[in-house]
C-alpha cells in the first residue's frame, strides 16, 4: 500500500509559502569507485594468469610437435581450458559481487530520499514494497549478467589474437602488447559498467521510493559531467516530467540516469510544496 506524501505549503493565514529547495538524489561516487575496483581486481588476476599461460604455450608453438594434434590445436586447447577456468571464476563470484553493489547503491538512494525530506522537516519510514523489490531484483539480474560477460567478451578476442599471431608468425613481444591492450579495454568496460549501473540503480530506487510516497513528477537536471553530452539531455534540463513515463528523448521514453552512461538526475515535485 502506498504512503501518500502530500505536504501543505501554506502559512497560518492562508498565504502560500515560498517554494523550498528540494534536494535531488545523486548516485554515490564512492560506491561506483568500489564496484569498479572490485571488477578491475578480478580482471587483473585474469590478465596475469592469461599472459603467463598463453605466452608460455605460444613460446613453444614453433618447436612443439605432438602425435595426436598439431601445435595450433594444442594452443587452442590450452586457451579453451583457460577460458573455461576464468568463466567459472566470474560465474562463481558474479552473484555476490552484484548483490553487494546493488545493496549499497539501493541503500544510498533510499537514505538520500529520506534525508532530502528530513531536511524539509518531514519524517518518512520506508518499507520493502513490491516495486522496490522488483527494481532491486532487476538490477541484480542485470549486474550478474554483466559480470559473467567479462571473460567471454575479453578472452574471446584474446583467443583470436593468439591464433592470428601464431599463423602469421608474429613475435612474442608483439602478441604480449596486443593482449595487454585488449585487457586495457576490459578495464575500461569495467569502469563503464560501474559508472552506468551506479547511475541506473540510484535512479531506479529513487524513483520507486518517491512514487511510494505519492510523488509523481520531477524536474529533469542535466549532469553536465560528460565531455560529450547528449544534446537532447542538455535540452531536457529544467523540463517537468512524470516519474512513471519520463521524457521522450532520442526516439524513446527515458528517465534521468536510465540511458547508458547518463548521469542526469531530477528534483522531485512535492504535491502542495514546490509544485507551483
Protein backbone atom coordinates (compact mmCIF):
# COMPACT_ATOMS: atom_id res chain seq x y z
CA UNK A 1 0.00 0.00 0.00
CA UNK A 2 1.37 3.38 -0.98
CA UNK A 3 2.08 6.07 1.57
CA UNK A 4 0.61 9.28 0.27
CA UNK A 5 3.01 12.17 0.81
CA UNK A 6 1.15 15.46 0.44
CA UNK A 7 2.74 18.49 2.06
CA UNK A 8 0.71 21.53 2.94
CA UNK A 9 2.78 24.56 1.97
CA UNK A 10 0.79 27.45 3.44
CA UNK A 11 1.27 29.97 6.20
CA UNK A 12 -1.21 30.06 9.12
CA UNK A 13 -3.02 32.99 7.49
CA UNK A 14 -3.51 31.01 4.28
CA UNK A 15 -0.77 32.67 2.25
CA UNK A 16 1.30 30.27 0.13
CA UNK A 17 4.89 29.74 1.27
CA UNK A 18 7.81 30.32 -0.99
CA UNK A 19 8.68 27.04 -2.73
CA UNK A 20 11.56 25.40 -0.81
CA UNK A 21 14.67 23.86 -2.31
CA UNK A 22 14.14 20.11 -2.60
CA UNK A 23 17.46 18.31 -2.94
CA UNK A 24 17.83 15.91 -5.87
CA UNK A 25 19.38 12.48 -5.33
CA UNK A 26 22.79 11.83 -6.86
CA UNK A 27 24.48 8.47 -7.23
CA UNK A 28 27.28 7.82 -4.74
CA UNK A 29 30.71 8.04 -6.35
CA UNK A 30 32.35 6.09 -3.55
CA UNK A 31 30.10 3.12 -4.31
CA UNK A 32 30.92 3.44 -8.01
CA UNK A 33 34.66 3.53 -7.31
CA UNK A 34 34.46 0.49 -5.03
CA UNK A 35 32.50 -1.52 -7.59
CA UNK A 36 34.97 -0.54 -10.31
CA UNK A 37 37.92 -1.51 -8.13
CA UNK A 38 36.45 -4.94 -7.39
CA UNK A 39 35.83 -5.65 -11.08
CA UNK A 40 39.32 -4.47 -12.05
CA UNK A 41 40.82 -6.67 -9.31
CA UNK A 42 39.30 -9.80 -10.83
CA UNK A 43 40.25 -8.70 -14.35
CA UNK A 44 43.85 -8.13 -13.18
CA UNK A 45 44.04 -11.66 -11.80
CA UNK A 46 42.74 -12.99 -15.10
CA UNK A 47 45.19 -10.81 -17.06
CA UNK A 48 48.18 -12.10 -15.10
CA UNK A 49 47.20 -15.74 -15.48
CA UNK A 50 46.34 -15.47 -19.17
CA UNK A 51 49.60 -13.72 -20.04
CA UNK A 52 51.64 -16.31 -18.15
CA UNK A 53 49.95 -19.40 -19.57
CA UNK A 54 49.19 -18.25 -23.11
CA UNK A 55 52.62 -16.78 -23.71
CA UNK A 56 54.29 -19.91 -22.33
CA UNK A 57 52.27 -22.04 -24.74
CA UNK A 58 52.91 -19.62 -27.61
CA UNK A 59 56.64 -19.64 -26.96
CA UNK A 60 56.68 -23.40 -27.54
CA UNK A 61 54.43 -23.19 -30.59
CA UNK A 62 57.07 -23.43 -33.32
CA UNK A 63 59.08 -26.24 -31.78
CA UNK A 64 56.18 -28.20 -30.33
CA UNK A 65 55.26 -31.42 -32.06
CA UNK A 66 52.65 -33.96 -30.99
CA UNK A 67 51.48 -37.22 -32.41
CA UNK A 68 47.80 -36.66 -31.73
CA UNK A 69 47.41 -32.97 -32.54
CA UNK A 70 49.05 -30.09 -34.37
CA UNK A 71 50.78 -27.30 -32.43
CA UNK A 72 47.91 -24.92 -33.29
CA UNK A 73 45.34 -27.39 -31.98
CA UNK A 74 47.28 -27.70 -28.74
CA UNK A 75 47.41 -23.91 -28.45
CA UNK A 76 43.64 -23.76 -28.96
CA UNK A 77 43.08 -26.44 -26.33
CA UNK A 78 45.25 -24.57 -23.85
CA UNK A 79 43.25 -21.42 -24.41
CA UNK A 80 39.96 -23.29 -24.17
CA UNK A 81 40.98 -24.53 -20.72
CA UNK A 82 41.91 -21.00 -19.67
CA UNK A 83 38.57 -19.60 -20.85
CA UNK A 84 36.64 -22.35 -19.06
CA UNK A 85 38.53 -21.72 -15.83
CA UNK A 86 38.03 -17.96 -15.83
CA UNK A 87 34.42 -18.16 -16.95
CA UNK A 88 33.86 -20.41 -13.95
CA UNK A 89 35.64 -17.92 -11.71
CA UNK A 90 33.46 -14.99 -12.78
CA UNK A 91 30.31 -17.15 -12.70
CA UNK A 92 31.16 -18.16 -9.13
CA UNK A 93 31.66 -14.60 -7.87
CA UNK A 94 29.09 -12.74 -10.01
CA UNK A 95 26.12 -13.03 -7.66
CA UNK A 96 27.96 -11.97 -4.50
CA UNK A 97 29.70 -9.05 -6.23
CA UNK A 98 26.47 -7.86 -7.84
CA UNK A 99 24.47 -8.30 -4.63
CA UNK A 100 26.93 -6.26 -2.58
CA UNK A 101 26.93 -3.44 -5.12
CA UNK A 102 23.15 -3.34 -5.60
CA UNK A 103 22.54 -3.36 -1.84
CA UNK A 104 24.95 -0.46 -1.34
CA UNK A 105 23.61 1.59 -4.25
CA UNK A 106 19.95 1.00 -3.38
CA UNK A 107 20.62 1.71 0.28
CA UNK A 108 22.27 5.00 -0.61
CA UNK A 109 19.32 6.01 -2.79
CA UNK A 110 16.83 5.21 -0.03
CA UNK A 111 18.79 7.17 2.57
CA UNK A 112 19.17 10.11 0.19
CA UNK A 113 15.43 10.31 -0.44
CA UNK A 114 14.74 10.13 3.30
CA UNK A 115 17.38 12.74 4.12
CA UNK A 116 16.17 15.16 1.44
CA UNK A 117 12.72 15.11 3.02
CA UNK A 118 14.08 15.27 6.55
CA UNK A 119 15.87 18.49 5.63
CA UNK A 120 12.43 19.94 4.91
CA UNK A 121 11.05 18.80 8.25
CA UNK A 122 9.37 15.57 7.16
CA UNK A 123 9.94 12.12 8.60
CA UNK A 124 9.21 9.08 6.45
CA UNK A 125 9.58 5.37 7.06
CA UNK A 126 10.33 3.13 4.11
CA UNK A 127 9.34 -0.49 3.64
CA UNK A 128 10.40 -3.06 1.07
CA UNK A 129 7.46 -2.52 -1.27
CA UNK A 130 6.84 -4.78 -4.30
CA UNK A 131 8.00 -2.02 -6.66
CA UNK A 132 11.30 -1.60 -4.82
CA UNK A 133 11.83 -5.37 -4.60
CA UNK A 134 11.28 -5.66 -8.34
CA UNK A 135 13.73 -2.83 -9.08
CA UNK A 136 16.38 -4.46 -6.87
CA UNK A 137 15.79 -7.85 -8.49
CA UNK A 138 16.14 -6.42 -11.99
CA UNK A 139 19.34 -4.59 -11.07
CA UNK A 140 20.78 -7.74 -9.52
CA UNK A 141 19.99 -9.83 -12.60
CA UNK A 142 21.48 -7.23 -14.95
CA UNK A 143 24.71 -6.90 -12.98
CA UNK A 144 25.17 -10.64 -12.64
CA UNK A 145 24.89 -10.90 -16.42
CA UNK A 146 27.35 -8.07 -16.98
CA UNK A 147 29.94 -9.58 -14.63
CA UNK A 148 29.61 -13.00 -16.25
CA UNK A 149 30.10 -11.44 -19.68
CA UNK A 150 33.54 -10.02 -18.83
CA UNK A 151 35.67 -13.14 -19.52
CA UNK A 152 33.62 -14.16 -22.55
CA UNK A 153 33.99 -10.80 -24.24
CA UNK A 154 37.62 -10.24 -23.29
CA UNK A 155 39.08 -13.72 -23.76
CA UNK A 156 37.15 -14.36 -26.94
CA UNK A 157 39.07 -11.54 -28.58
CA UNK A 158 42.35 -12.56 -26.97
CA UNK A 159 41.94 -16.05 -28.40
CA UNK A 160 41.53 -14.58 -31.86
CA UNK A 161 44.68 -12.53 -31.38
CA UNK A 162 46.68 -15.58 -30.31
CA UNK A 163 45.57 -17.73 -33.23
CA UNK A 164 46.19 -15.00 -35.80
CA UNK A 165 49.62 -14.31 -34.34
CA UNK A 166 50.52 -17.99 -34.45
CA UNK A 167 49.51 -18.35 -38.08
CA UNK A 168 51.25 -15.10 -39.06
CA UNK A 169 54.42 -15.96 -37.18
CA UNK A 170 54.40 -12.81 -35.05
CA UNK A 171 56.96 -12.48 -32.28
CA UNK A 172 56.15 -12.90 -28.61
CA UNK A 173 56.63 -9.22 -27.79
CA UNK A 174 54.07 -8.10 -30.35
CA UNK A 175 51.50 -10.60 -29.07
CA UNK A 176 52.14 -9.55 -25.48
CA UNK A 177 51.44 -5.91 -26.31
CA UNK A 178 48.25 -6.83 -28.16
CA UNK A 179 46.95 -8.92 -25.26
CA UNK A 180 47.71 -6.13 -22.78
CA UNK A 181 45.82 -3.63 -24.94
CA UNK A 182 42.82 -5.94 -25.02
CA UNK A 183 42.82 -6.20 -21.25
CA UNK A 184 43.03 -2.40 -21.06
CA UNK A 185 39.75 -2.40 -23.00
CA UNK A 186 38.31 -4.78 -20.40
CA UNK A 187 39.36 -2.36 -17.65
CA UNK A 188 37.61 0.48 -19.49
CA UNK A 189 34.47 -1.61 -19.83
CA UNK A 190 34.57 -2.33 -16.10
CA UNK A 191 34.67 1.43 -15.48
CA UNK A 192 31.66 1.89 -17.75
CA UNK A 193 29.73 -0.90 -16.04
CA UNK A 194 30.38 0.59 -12.60
CA UNK A 195 29.51 4.13 -13.66
CA UNK A 196 26.45 3.22 -15.70
CA UNK A 197 24.99 0.74 -13.23
CA UNK A 198 25.58 3.06 -10.30
CA UNK A 199 23.51 5.72 -12.06
CA UNK A 200 20.83 3.23 -13.09
CA UNK A 201 20.34 1.64 -9.67
CA UNK A 202 20.30 5.02 -7.93
CA UNK A 203 17.72 6.40 -10.36
CA UNK A 204 15.54 3.29 -10.26
CA UNK A 205 15.35 3.03 -6.46
CA UNK A 206 14.93 6.79 -6.03
CA UNK A 207 12.06 6.74 -8.47
CA UNK A 208 10.29 3.84 -6.70
CA UNK A 209 10.78 5.35 -3.25
CA UNK A 210 9.38 8.69 -4.34
CA UNK A 211 6.43 7.08 -6.10
CA UNK A 212 5.64 5.09 -2.97
CA UNK A 213 5.33 8.45 -1.18
CA UNK A 214 2.90 9.77 -3.77
CA UNK A 215 5.47 11.89 -5.60
CA UNK A 216 4.66 11.57 -9.29
CA UNK A 217 6.62 14.33 -11.05
CA UNK A 218 10.11 15.75 -11.24
CA UNK A 219 12.26 18.39 -12.92
CA UNK A 220 15.00 16.99 -15.16
CA UNK A 221 18.51 18.10 -14.15
CA UNK A 222 21.32 17.59 -16.65
CA UNK A 223 24.53 16.39 -15.02
CA UNK A 224 26.94 18.49 -17.07
CA UNK A 225 29.68 15.98 -16.26
CA UNK A 226 30.14 14.37 -19.66
CA UNK A 227 32.66 15.67 -22.19
CA UNK A 228 30.25 14.61 -24.92
CA UNK A 229 26.75 15.25 -23.56
CA UNK A 230 23.66 14.13 -25.40
CA UNK A 231 22.09 17.27 -26.95
CA UNK A 232 18.57 16.17 -26.08
CA UNK A 233 19.56 15.53 -22.46
CA UNK A 234 21.04 19.03 -22.28
CA UNK A 235 17.83 20.46 -23.73
CA UNK A 236 15.78 18.46 -21.20
CA UNK A 237 17.33 20.35 -18.29
CA UNK A 238 14.57 22.08 -16.32
CA UNK A 239 11.71 20.22 -18.00
CA UNK A 240 8.92 18.76 -15.92
CA UNK A 241 8.08 15.08 -16.42
CA UNK A 242 6.04 12.22 -14.98
CA UNK A 243 8.05 9.71 -12.95
CA UNK A 244 6.14 6.82 -14.45
CA UNK A 245 6.86 7.81 -18.04
CA UNK A 246 9.92 10.05 -18.13
CA UNK A 247 10.66 12.25 -21.14
CA UNK A 248 10.61 11.33 -24.83
CA UNK A 249 14.24 11.81 -25.90
CA UNK A 250 16.19 10.43 -28.85
CA UNK A 251 13.23 8.40 -30.06
CA UNK A 252 12.23 6.72 -26.80
CA UNK A 253 10.83 7.38 -23.34
CA UNK A 254 13.53 7.58 -20.72
CA UNK A 255 14.28 8.66 -17.17
CA UNK A 256 17.33 10.55 -15.91
CA UNK A 257 20.14 8.07 -15.30
CA UNK A 258 18.47 5.37 -17.38
CA UNK A 259 20.27 5.66 -20.73
CA UNK A 260 23.75 4.20 -20.89
CA UNK A 261 26.33 6.44 -19.22
CA UNK A 262 23.68 9.05 -18.35
CA UNK A 263 24.43 10.92 -15.12
CA UNK A 264 21.34 13.13 -15.14
CA UNK A 265 19.01 13.26 -12.14
CA UNK A 266 15.88 15.18 -11.15
CA UNK A 267 14.39 17.38 -8.49
CA UNK A 268 11.17 15.83 -7.13
CA UNK A 269 7.98 17.86 -7.15
CA UNK A 270 6.21 17.53 -3.81
CA UNK A 271 2.42 17.97 -4.05
CA UNK A 272 1.41 21.15 -2.26
CA UNK A 273 5.01 22.09 -1.54
CA UNK A 274 7.03 23.05 -4.60
CA UNK A 275 4.56 22.27 -7.37
CA UNK A 276 3.61 25.85 -8.11
